[in-house]
Amino acid sequence: MSHGHCSPVDFWYNQDENEWVLLLQGEAELIFADDPEPMRMKPGDAVFIPAHRLHRVNWTQPGVDTIWLALFYLQTKGKVDE
């Protein structure tokens, strides 16, 4: 949950896990190091963030609880049985 939160300007999340994020309430803006255009999110919007893709929270709606559902998972490499 965020409430008018943003990441510090020089901070980037660099996670070992893949992340899938769904915005449930409020509004938010994400920035990715490899894309100068901010991603604006509203309730119902989702984004997949691969492991080690540098990103940060640029803005969340002030005066409103911004509720995120974030799932983190590791990519496994293995043989799939047919």
PDB file of N, CA and C in Angstrom:
ATOM      1  N   MET A   1       0.845  -1.160   0.000  1.00  0.00           N
ATOM      2  CA  MET A   1       0.000   0.000   0.000  1.00  0.00           C
ATOM      3  C   MET A   1       0.896   1.231   0.000  1.00  0.00           C
ATOM      4  N   SER A   2       0.513   2.226  -0.760  1.00  0.00           N
ATOM      5  CA  SER A   2       1.238   3.494  -0.821  1.00  0.00           C
ATOM      6  C   SER A   2       0.250   4.624  -0.558  1.00  0.00           C
ATOM      7  N   HIS A   3       0.764   5.705  -0.059  1.00  0.00           N
ATOM      8  CA  HIS A   3      -0.075   6.882   0.215  1.00  0.00           C
ATOM      9  C   HIS A   3       0.760   8.120  -0.124  1.00  0.00           C
ATOM     10  N   GLY A   4       0.707   8.543  -1.382  1.00  0.00           N
ATOM     11  CA  GLY A   4       1.518   9.663  -1.815  1.00  0.00           C
ATOM     12  C   GLY A   4       2.999   9.337  -1.850  1.00  0.00           C
ATOM     13  N   HIS A   5       3.340   8.076  -2.032  1.00  0.00           N
ATOM     14  CA  HIS A   5       4.726   7.588  -1.988  1.00  0.00           C
ATOM     15  C   HIS A   5       5.400   7.723  -3.347  1.00  0.00           C
ATOM     16  N   CYS A   6       6.701   7.949  -3.331  1.00  0.00           N
ATOM     17  CA  CYS A   6       7.519   7.809  -4.525  1.00  0.00           C
ATOM     18  C   CYS A   6       8.912   7.362  -4.092  1.00  0.00           C
ATOM     19  N   SER A   7       9.615   6.721  -5.019  1.00  0.00           N
ATOM     20  CA  SER A   7      10.987   6.287  -4.747  1.00  0.00           C
ATOM     21  C   SER A   7      11.914   7.496  -4.831  1.00  0.00           C
ATOM     22  N   PRO A   8      13.028   7.469  -4.100  1.00  0.00           N
ATOM     23  CA  PRO A   8      14.015   8.542  -4.252  1.00  0.00           C
ATOM     24  C   PRO A   8      14.486   8.627  -5.707  1.00  0.00           C
ATOM     25  N   VAL A   9      14.820   9.819  -6.151  1.00  0.00           N
ATOM     26  CA  VAL A   9      15.166  10.059  -7.557  1.00  0.00           C
ATOM     27  C   VAL A   9      16.300   9.173  -8.053  1.00  0.00           C
ATOM     28  N   ASP A  10      17.305   8.925  -7.250  1.00  0.00           N
ATOM     29  CA  ASP A  10      18.453   8.124  -7.685  1.00  0.00           C
ATOM     30  C   ASP A  10      18.345   6.646  -7.322  1.00  0.00           C
ATOM     31  N   PHE A  11      17.174   6.203  -6.896  1.00  0.00           N
ATOM     32  CA  PHE A  11      16.972   4.817  -6.475  1.00  0.00           C
ATOM     33  C   PHE A  11      16.301   4.027  -7.589  1.00  0.00           C
ATOM     34  N   TRP A  12      16.768   2.793  -7.810  1.00  0.00           N
ATOM     35  CA  TRP A  12      16.137   1.869  -8.764  1.00  0.00           C
ATOM     36  C   TRP A  12      15.966   0.510  -8.096  1.00  0.00           C
ATOM     37  N   TYR A  13      14.769  -0.064  -8.206  1.00  0.00           N
ATOM     38  CA  TYR A  13      14.581  -1.458  -7.798  1.00  0.00           C
ATOM     39  C   TYR A  13      15.314  -2.326  -8.819  1.00  0.00           C
ATOM     40  N   ASN A  14      16.075  -3.300  -8.329  1.00  0.00           N
ATOM     41  CA  ASN A  14      16.798  -4.242  -9.177  1.00  0.00           C
ATOM     42  C   ASN A  14      16.646  -5.610  -8.521  1.00  0.00           C
ATOM     43  N   GLN A  15      15.553  -6.266  -8.809  1.00  0.00           N
ATOM     44  CA  GLN A  15      15.160  -7.485  -8.101  1.00  0.00           C
ATOM     45  C   GLN A  15      15.603  -8.737  -8.832  1.00  0.00           C
ATOM     46  N   ASP A  16      15.913  -9.772  -8.062  1.00  0.00           N
ATOM     47  CA  ASP A  16      16.281 -11.069  -8.633  1.00  0.00           C
ATOM     48  C   ASP A  16      15.068 -11.828  -9.172  1.00  0.00           C
ATOM     49  N   GLU A  17      13.880 -11.457  -8.730  1.00  0.00           N
ATOM     50  CA  GLU A  17      12.660 -12.149  -9.132  1.00  0.00           C
ATOM     51  C   GLU A  17      11.938 -11.357 -10.223  1.00  0.00           C
ATOM     52  N   ASN A  18      11.144 -12.084 -11.028  1.00  0.00           N
ATOM     53  CA  ASN A  18      10.174 -11.448 -11.908  1.00  0.00           C
ATOM     54  C   ASN A  18       9.075 -10.890 -11.016  1.00  0.00           C
ATOM     55  N   GLU A  19       8.395  -9.870 -11.497  1.00  0.00           N
ATOM     56  CA  GLU A  19       7.308  -9.268 -10.719  1.00  0.00           C
ATOM     57  C   GLU A  19       6.123  -8.984 -11.644  1.00  0.00           C
ATOM     58  N   TRP A  20       4.954  -9.339 -11.173  1.00  0.00           N
ATOM     59  CA  TRP A  20       3.715  -8.989 -11.857  1.00  0.00           C
ATOM     60  C   TRP A  20       2.918  -8.131 -10.877  1.00  0.00           C
ATOM     61  N   VAL A  21       2.508  -6.947 -11.325  1.00  0.00           N
ATOM     62  CA  VAL A  21       1.848  -5.984 -10.449  1.00  0.00           C
ATOM     63  C   VAL A  21       0.487  -5.615 -11.021  1.00  0.00           C
ATOM     64  N   LEU A  22      -0.518  -5.635 -10.155  1.00  0.00           N
ATOM     65  CA  LEU A  22      -1.870  -5.191 -10.498  1.00  0.00           C
ATOM     66  C   LEU A  22      -2.217  -4.046  -9.560  1.00  0.00           C
ATOM     67  N   LEU A  23      -2.671  -2.930 -10.116  1.00  0.00           N
ATOM     68  CA  LEU A  23      -3.096  -1.803  -9.290  1.00  0.00           C
ATOM     69  C   LEU A  23      -4.577  -1.982  -8.973  1.00  0.00           C
ATOM     70  N   LEU A  24      -4.896  -2.086  -7.704  1.00  0.00           N
ATOM     71  CA  LEU A  24      -6.266  -2.335  -7.264  1.00  0.00           C
ATOM     72  C   LEU A  24      -7.023  -1.048  -6.950  1.00  0.00           C
ATOM     73  N   GLN A  25      -6.316  -0.056  -6.420  1.00  0.00           N
ATOM     74  CA  GLN A  25      -6.976   1.188  -5.998  1.00  0.00           C
ATOM     75  C   GLN A  25      -5.985   2.339  -6.108  1.00  0.00           C
ATOM     76  N   GLY A  26      -6.481   3.521  -6.415  1.00  0.00           N
ATOM     77  CA  GLY A  26      -5.631   4.700  -6.528  1.00  0.00           C
ATOM     78  C   GLY A  26      -5.024   4.793  -7.915  1.00  0.00           C
ATOM     79  N   GLU A  27      -4.064   5.675  -8.052  1.00  0.00           N
ATOM     80  CA  GLU A  27      -3.332   5.833  -9.303  1.00  0.00           C
ATOM     81  C   GLU A  27      -1.848   5.888  -8.983  1.00  0.00           C
ATOM     82  N   ALA A  28      -1.034   5.519  -9.974  1.00  0.00           N
ATOM     83  CA  ALA A  28       0.409   5.482  -9.758  1.00  0.00           C
ATOM     84  C   ALA A  28       1.123   5.696 -11.081  1.00  0.00           C
ATOM     85  N   GLU A  29       2.403   5.982 -10.964  1.00  0.00           N
ATOM     86  CA  GLU A  29       3.250   6.145 -12.131  1.00  0.00           C
ATOM     87  C   GLU A  29       4.564   5.435 -11.860  1.00  0.00           C
ATOM     88  N   LEU A  30       4.951   4.547 -12.774  1.00  0.00           N
ATOM     89  CA  LEU A  30       6.229   3.841 -12.701  1.00  0.00           C
ATOM     90  C   LEU A  30       7.168   4.386 -13.764  1.00  0.00           C
ATOM     91  N   ILE A  31       8.451   4.337 -13.482  1.00  0.00           N
ATOM     92  CA  ILE A  31       9.468   4.697 -14.464  1.00  0.00           C
ATOM     93  C   ILE A  31      10.445   3.534 -14.561  1.00  0.00           C
ATOM     94  N   PHE A  32      10.836   3.223 -15.802  1.00  0.00           N
ATOM     95  CA  PHE A  32      11.828   2.189 -16.073  1.00  0.00           C
ATOM     96  C   PHE A  32      13.086   2.860 -16.609  1.00  0.00           C
ATOM     97  N   ALA A  33      14.246   2.372 -16.182  1.00  0.00           N
ATOM     98  CA  ALA A  33      15.513   2.982 -16.585  1.00  0.00           C
ATOM     99  C   ALA A  33      15.711   2.933 -18.095  1.00  0.00           C
ATOM    100  N   ASP A  34      15.133   1.920 -18.755  1.00  0.00           N
ATOM    101  CA  ASP A  34      15.317   1.773 -20.198  1.00  0.00           C
ATOM    102  C   ASP A  34      14.200   2.413 -21.027  1.00  0.00           C
ATOM    103  N   ASP A  35      13.311   3.173 -20.387  1.00  0.00           N
ATOM    104  CA  ASP A  35      12.210   3.828 -21.098  1.00  0.00           C
ATOM    105  C   ASP A  35      11.920   5.162 -20.414  1.00  0.00           C
ATOM    106  N   PRO A  36      12.220   6.273 -21.061  1.00  0.00           N
ATOM    107  CA  PRO A  36      12.050   7.575 -20.412  1.00  0.00           C
ATOM    108  C   PRO A  36      10.587   7.975 -20.202  1.00  0.00           C
ATOM    109  N   GLU A  37       9.663   7.304 -20.873  1.00  0.00           N
ATOM    110  CA  GLU A  37       8.246   7.653 -20.752  1.00  0.00           C
ATOM    111  C   GLU A  37       7.638   6.976 -19.520  1.00  0.00           C
ATOM    112  N   PRO A  38       7.143   7.738 -18.547  1.00  0.00           N
ATOM    113  CA  PRO A  38       6.523   7.128 -17.359  1.00  0.00           C
ATOM    114  C   PRO A  38       5.286   6.300 -17.738  1.00  0.00           C
ATOM    115  N   MET A  39       5.048   5.243 -16.973  1.00  0.00           N
ATOM    116  CA  MET A  39       3.865   4.406 -17.164  1.00  0.00           C
ATOM    117  C   MET A  39       2.834   4.798 -16.119  1.00  0.00           C
ATOM    118  N   ARG A  40       1.734   5.383 -16.554  1.00  0.00           N
ATOM    119  CA  ARG A  40       0.655   5.786 -15.654  1.00  0.00           C
ATOM    120  C   ARG A  40      -0.271   4.599 -15.468  1.00  0.00           C
ATOM    121  N   MET A  41      -0.627   4.306 -14.225  1.00  0.00           N
ATOM    122  CA  MET A  41      -1.489   3.161 -13.925  1.00  0.00           C
ATOM    123  C   MET A  41      -2.735   3.614 -13.180  1.00  0.00           C
ATOM    124  N   LYS A  42      -3.858   2.989 -13.544  1.00  0.00           N
ATOM    125  CA  LYS A  42      -5.142   3.199 -12.881  1.00  0.00           C
ATOM    126  C   LYS A  42      -5.651   1.842 -12.407  1.00  0.00           C
ATOM    127  N   PRO A  43      -6.670   1.811 -11.553  1.00  0.00           N
ATOM    128  CA  PRO A  43      -7.177   0.521 -11.079  1.00  0.00           C
ATOM    129  C   PRO A  43      -7.502  -0.430 -12.240  1.00  0.00           C
ATOM    130  N   GLY A  44      -7.024  -1.651 -12.097  1.00  0.00           N
ATOM    131  CA  GLY A  44      -7.216  -2.672 -13.120  1.00  0.00           C
ATOM    132  C   GLY A  44      -6.037  -2.821 -14.058  1.00  0.00           C
ATOM    133  N   ASP A  45      -5.118  -1.847 -14.060  1.00  0.00           N
ATOM    134  CA  ASP A  45      -3.928  -1.941 -14.910  1.00  0.00           C
ATOM    135  C   ASP A  45      -2.912  -2.890 -14.270  1.00  0.00           C
ATOM    136  N   ALA A  46      -2.241  -3.644 -15.121  1.00  0.00           N
ATOM    137  CA  ALA A  46      -1.230  -4.591 -14.654  1.00  0.00           C
ATOM    138  C   ALA A  46       0.022  -4.438 -15.495  1.00  0.00           C
ATOM    139  N   VAL A  47       1.152  -4.821 -14.911  1.00  0.00           N
ATOM    140  CA  VAL A  47       2.422  -4.766 -15.623  1.00  0.00           C
ATOM    141  C   VAL A  47       3.293  -5.944 -15.181  1.00  0.00           C
ATOM    142  N   PHE A  48       4.013  -6.513 -16.142  1.00  0.00           N
ATOM    143  CA  PHE A  48       5.004  -7.545 -15.868  1.00  0.00           C
ATOM    144  C   PHE A  48       6.370  -6.872 -15.878  1.00  0.00           C
ATOM    145  N   ILE A  49       7.163  -7.088 -14.832  1.00  0.00           N
ATOM    146  CA  ILE A  49       8.504  -6.510 -14.731  1.00  0.00           C
ATOM    147  C   ILE A  49       9.498  -7.671 -14.619  1.00  0.00           C
ATOM    148  N   PRO A  50      10.257  -7.930 -15.688  1.00  0.00           N
ATOM    149  CA  PRO A  50      11.221  -9.031 -15.630  1.00  0.00           C
ATOM    150  C   PRO A  50      12.303  -8.771 -14.576  1.00  0.00           C
ATOM    151  N   ALA A  51      12.875  -9.845 -14.073  1.00  0.00           N
ATOM    152  CA  ALA A  51      13.978  -9.730 -13.110  1.00  0.00           C
ATOM    153  C   ALA A  51      15.055  -8.806 -13.662  1.00  0.00           C
ATOM    154  N   HIS A  52      15.567  -7.958 -12.806  1.00  0.00           N
ATOM    155  CA  HIS A  52      16.661  -7.024 -13.081  1.00  0.00           C
ATOM    156  C   HIS A  52      16.308  -5.890 -14.046  1.00  0.00           C
ATOM    157  N   ARG A  53      15.027  -5.697 -14.367  1.00  0.00           N
ATOM    158  CA  ARG A  53      14.651  -4.493 -15.117  1.00  0.00           C
ATOM    159  C   ARG A  53      14.532  -3.362 -14.097  1.00  0.00           C
ATOM    160  N   LEU A  54      15.399  -2.391 -14.213  1.00  0.00           N
ATOM    161  CA  LEU A  54      15.447  -1.294 -13.246  1.00  0.00           C
ATOM    162  C   LEU A  54      14.175  -0.458 -13.347  1.00  0.00           C
ATOM    163  N   HIS A  55      13.544  -0.238 -12.184  1.00  0.00           N
ATOM    164  CA  HIS A  55      12.300   0.526 -12.151  1.00  0.00           C
ATOM    165  C   HIS A  55      12.148   1.204 -10.799  1.00  0.00           C
ATOM    166  N   ARG A  56      11.247   2.170 -10.757  1.00  0.00           N
ATOM    167  CA  ARG A  56      10.943   2.844  -9.501  1.00  0.00           C
ATOM    168  C   ARG A  56       9.542   3.421  -9.567  1.00  0.00           C
ATOM    169  N   VAL A  57       9.001   3.736  -8.394  1.00  0.00           N
ATOM    170  CA  VAL A  57       7.695   4.390  -8.299  1.00  0.00           C
ATOM    171  C   VAL A  57       7.941   5.891  -8.397  1.00  0.00           C
ATOM    172  N   ASN A  58       7.414   6.496  -9.435  1.00  0.00           N
ATOM    173  CA  ASN A  58       7.607   7.919  -9.655  1.00  0.00           C
ATOM    174  C   ASN A  58       6.581   8.764  -8.896  1.00  0.00           C
ATOM    175  N   TRP A  59       5.380   8.215  -8.693  1.00  0.00           N
ATOM    176  CA  TRP A  59       4.294   8.992  -8.093  1.00  0.00           C
ATOM    177  C   TRP A  59       3.156   8.063  -7.699  1.00  0.00           C
ATOM    178  N   THR A  60       2.512   8.332  -6.595  1.00  0.00           N
ATOM    179  CA  THR A  60       1.216   7.723  -6.288  1.00  0.00           C
ATOM    180  C   THR A  60       0.275   8.836  -5.869  1.00  0.00           C
ATOM    181  N   GLN A  61      -0.978   8.600  -6.084  1.00  0.00           N
ATOM    182  CA  GLN A  61      -2.011   9.602  -5.855  1.00  0.00           C
ATOM    183  C   GLN A  61      -2.030  10.064  -4.402  1.00  0.00           C
ATOM    184  N   PRO A  62      -1.870  11.360  -4.165  1.00  0.00           N
ATOM    185  CA  PRO A  62      -1.916  11.861  -2.782  1.00  0.00           C
ATOM    186  C   PRO A  62      -3.339  11.831  -2.237  1.00  0.00           C
ATOM    187  N   GLY A  63      -3.450  11.623  -0.933  1.00  0.00           N
ATOM    188  CA  GLY A  63      -4.751  11.637  -0.275  1.00  0.00           C
ATOM    189  C   GLY A  63      -5.578  10.387  -0.481  1.00  0.00           C
ATOM    190  N   VAL A  64      -5.023   9.396  -1.152  1.00  0.00           N
ATOM    191  CA  VAL A  64      -5.738   8.146  -1.441  1.00  0.00           C
ATOM    192  C   VAL A  64      -4.785   6.993  -1.160  1.00  0.00           C
ATOM    193  N   ASP A  65      -5.292   5.925  -0.579  1.00  0.00           N
ATOM    194  CA  ASP A  65      -4.479   4.718  -0.432  1.00  0.00           C
ATOM    195  C   ASP A  65      -4.360   4.048  -1.792  1.00  0.00           C
ATOM    196  N   THR A  66      -3.142   3.903  -2.266  1.00  0.00           N
ATOM    197  CA  THR A  66      -2.884   3.181  -3.505  1.00  0.00           C
ATOM    198  C   THR A  66      -2.573   1.738  -3.110  1.00  0.00           C
ATOM    199  N   ILE A  67      -3.392   0.816  -3.610  1.00  0.00           N
ATOM    200  CA  ILE A  67      -3.247  -0.589  -3.223  1.00  0.00           C
ATOM    201  C   ILE A  67      -2.743  -1.386  -4.419  1.00  0.00           C
ATOM    202  N   TRP A  68      -1.620  -2.052  -4.196  1.00  0.00           N
ATOM    203  CA  TRP A  68      -0.959  -2.876  -5.202  1.00  0.00           C
ATOM    204  C   TRP A  68      -1.098  -4.352  -4.835  1.00  0.00           C
ATOM    205  N   LEU A  69      -1.252  -5.202  -5.834  1.00  0.00           N
ATOM    206  CA  LEU A  69      -1.086  -6.642  -5.668  1.00  0.00           C
ATOM    207  C   LEU A  69       0.155  -6.998  -6.474  1.00  0.00           C
ATOM    208  N   ALA A  70       1.209  -7.431  -5.798  1.00  0.00           N
ATOM    209  CA  ALA A  70       2.471  -7.735  -6.467  1.00  0.00           C
ATOM    210  C   ALA A  70       2.836  -9.192  -6.218  1.00  0.00           C
ATOM    211  N   LEU A  71       3.085  -9.911  -7.288  1.00  0.00           N
ATOM    212  CA  LEU A  71       3.515 -11.300  -7.208  1.00  0.00           C
ATOM    213  C   LEU A  71       4.952 -11.382  -7.702  1.00  0.00           C
ATOM    214  N   PHE A  72       5.807 -11.979  -6.891  1.00  0.00           N
ATOM    215  CA  PHE A  72       7.219 -12.142  -7.220  1.00  0.00           C
ATOM    216  C   PHE A  72       7.491 -13.627  -7.441  1.00  0.00           C
ATOM    217  N   TYR A  73       8.237 -13.944  -8.495  1.00  0.00           N
ATOM    218  CA  TYR A  73       8.569 -15.348  -8.726  1.00  0.00           C
ATOM    219  C   TYR A  73       9.871 -15.464  -9.508  1.00  0.00           C
ATOM    220  N   LEU A  74      10.558 -16.573  -9.270  1.00  0.00           N
ATOM    221  CA  LEU A  74      11.794 -16.870  -9.978  1.00  0.00           C
ATOM    222  C   LEU A  74      11.481 -17.631 -11.256  1.00  0.00           C
ATOM    223  N   GLN A  75      12.236 -17.361 -12.279  1.00  0.00           N
ATOM    224  CA  GLN A  75      12.116 -18.108 -13.536  1.00  0.00           C
ATOM    225  C   GLN A  75      12.908 -19.396 -13.382  1.00  0.00           C
ATOM    226  N   THR A  76      12.290 -20.510 -13.630  1.00  0.00           N
ATOM    227  CA  THR A  76      13.010 -21.773 -13.541  1.00  0.00           C
ATOM    228  C   THR A  76      13.271 -22.313 -14.940  1.00  0.00           C
ATOM    229  N   LYS A  77      14.413 -22.920 -15.089  1.00  0.00           N
ATOM    230  CA  LYS A  77      14.766 -23.540 -16.366  1.00  0.00           C
ATOM    231  C   LYS A  77      14.772 -25.029 -16.147  1.00  0.00           C
ATOM    232  N   GLY A  78      13.906 -25.703 -16.818  1.00  0.00           N
ATOM    233  CA  GLY A  78      13.831 -27.142 -16.660  1.00  0.00           C
ATOM    234  C   GLY A  78      13.108 -27.762 -17.830  1.00  0.00           C
ATOM    235  N   LYS A  79      13.203 -29.052 -17.914  1.00  0.00           N
ATOM    236  CA  LYS A  79      12.554 -29.774 -18.985  1.00  0.00           C
ATOM    237  C   LYS A  79      11.081 -29.941 -18.664  1.00  0.00           C
ATOM    238  N   VAL A  80      10.256 -29.670 -19.626  1.00  0.00           N
ATOM    239  CA  VAL A  80       8.820 -29.844 -19.460  1.00  0.00           C
ATOM    240  C   VAL A  80       8.462 -31.232 -19.975  1.00  0.00           C
ATOM    241  N   ASP A  81       7.786 -31.992 -19.127  1.00  0.00           N
ATOM    242  CA  ASP A  81       7.364 -33.322 -19.556  1.00  0.00           C
ATOM    243  C   ASP A  81       6.260 -33.201 -20.582  1.00  0.00           C
ATOM    244  N   GLU A  82       6.347 -34.017 -21.635  1.00  0.00           N
ATOM    245  CA  GLU A  82       5.325 -33.990 -22.688  1.00  0.00           C
ATOM    246  C   GLU A  82       4.331 -35.091 -22.485  1.00  0.00           C
TER     247      GLU A  82
END
